[in-house]
Amino acid sequence: MRRDPKTAAADFFVFARDYLCTYMPTVRGLSVKTIEAYRISLECFLTFLTDHEHIDRGKVSFDHFDRAYLKAWLGWLGQLAGRRGQAAHHRHP
């Protein structure tokens, strides 16, 4: 696994790309649609980290995939779903 030369930390984005583009289709044999769903979920989590936790996207690391961040992300998703449900309810009386 490639590492950051300054910190020796694993390069998250290289790992994520390899996981999505090589491991999932080749080793796991997952479909293109399944891999796309994983990619979209990862992108959603990264958006949460940058927009709501104010973490620079270039500084995201494996350390951000901990229980606290993941619970906060799931709560944020629940709030979004609630807002969308309310908006849908108001559109269709």
Protein backbone atom coordinates (compact mmCIF):
# COMPACT_ATOMS: atom_id res chain seq x y z
CA MET A 1 0.00 0.00 0.00
CA ARG A 2 1.36 3.41 -0.93
CA ARG A 3 2.17 5.70 1.98
CA ASP A 4 2.58 9.42 2.39
CA PRO A 5 6.35 10.10 2.30
CA LYS A 6 6.09 12.78 5.03
CA THR A 7 3.95 10.93 7.54
CA ALA A 8 4.26 7.26 6.47
CA ALA A 9 0.46 7.08 6.74
CA ALA A 10 -1.43 4.98 4.22
CA ASP A 11 -2.68 7.07 1.30
CA PHE A 12 -6.44 6.85 1.74
CA PHE A 13 -7.42 7.95 -1.77
CA VAL A 14 -5.05 5.52 -3.49
CA PHE A 15 -6.38 2.72 -1.32
CA ALA A 16 -10.02 3.70 -2.00
CA ARG A 17 -9.43 3.81 -5.76
CA ASP A 18 -7.70 0.42 -5.74
CA TYR A 19 -10.47 -1.05 -3.60
CA LEU A 20 -13.24 0.25 -5.87
CA CYS A 21 -11.53 -0.29 -9.23
CA THR A 22 -9.52 -3.47 -8.64
CA TYR A 23 -10.47 -5.44 -5.53
CA MET A 24 -14.26 -5.18 -5.78
CA PRO A 25 -14.64 -6.18 -9.44
CA THR A 26 -11.72 -8.62 -9.66
CA VAL A 27 -11.49 -10.36 -6.30
CA ARG A 28 -15.07 -9.99 -5.10
CA GLY A 29 -16.65 -10.14 -8.57
CA LEU A 30 -19.13 -7.39 -7.74
CA SER A 31 -21.28 -5.78 -10.41
CA VAL A 32 -20.68 -2.31 -11.80
CA LYS A 33 -23.89 -1.09 -10.13
CA THR A 34 -22.86 -2.43 -6.72
CA ILE A 35 -19.44 -0.80 -7.00
CA GLU A 36 -21.12 2.46 -8.04
CA ALA A 37 -23.32 2.29 -4.93
CA TYR A 38 -20.22 1.91 -2.75
CA ARG A 39 -18.56 4.84 -4.55
CA ILE A 40 -21.60 7.05 -4.04
CA SER A 41 -21.73 6.19 -0.33
CA LEU A 42 -18.05 6.98 0.05
CA GLU A 43 -18.52 10.28 -1.78
CA CYS A 44 -21.45 11.11 0.49
CA PHE A 45 -19.32 10.45 3.58
CA LEU A 46 -16.53 12.63 2.19
CA THR A 47 -19.04 15.42 1.54
CA PHE A 48 -20.21 15.13 5.14
CA LEU A 49 -16.64 15.34 6.43
CA THR A 50 -15.82 18.41 4.35
CA ASP A 51 -19.09 20.32 4.61
CA HIS A 52 -20.19 19.54 8.16
CA GLU A 53 -17.04 18.55 10.00
CA HIS A 54 -14.89 21.10 8.13
CA ILE A 55 -12.14 18.63 7.32
CA ASP A 56 -10.09 19.48 4.26
CA ARG A 57 -10.68 16.77 1.67
CA GLY A 58 -6.94 16.39 1.11
CA LYS A 59 -6.47 15.61 4.80
CA VAL A 60 -9.06 12.83 5.04
CA SER A 61 -7.43 9.66 6.32
CA PHE A 62 -8.37 6.30 7.73
CA ASP A 63 -8.55 7.98 11.13
CA HIS A 64 -11.79 9.67 10.04
CA PHE A 65 -13.52 6.32 9.68
CA ASP A 66 -14.17 5.93 13.37
CA ARG A 67 -17.33 5.35 15.36
CA ALA A 68 -17.94 9.01 16.21
CA TYR A 69 -17.72 10.26 12.62
CA LEU A 70 -19.74 7.37 11.24
CA LYS A 71 -22.50 7.85 13.83
CA ALA A 72 -22.59 11.58 13.09
CA TRP A 73 -22.78 10.83 9.35
CA LEU A 74 -25.68 8.42 9.84
CA GLY A 75 -27.49 11.04 11.92
CA TRP A 76 -26.88 13.61 9.19
CA LEU A 77 -28.27 11.20 6.58
CA GLY A 78 -31.34 10.66 8.75
CA GLN A 79 -31.91 14.41 8.98
CA LEU A 80 -31.62 14.73 5.20
CA ALA A 81 -34.08 11.90 4.68
CA GLY A 82 -36.49 13.51 7.14
CA ARG A 83 -36.33 16.83 5.32
CA ARG A 84 -36.87 15.15 1.98
CA GLY A 85 -39.83 13.22 3.38
CA GLN A 86 -41.36 16.43 4.72
CA ALA A 87 -40.84 18.19 1.40
CA ALA A 88 -42.43 15.29 -0.46
CA HIS A 89 -45.36 15.36 1.96
CA HIS A 90 -45.92 19.07 1.34
CA ARG A 91 -45.83 18.62 -2.42
CA HIS A 92 -48.48 15.90 -2.38
CA PRO A 93 -51.32 16.96 -0.08
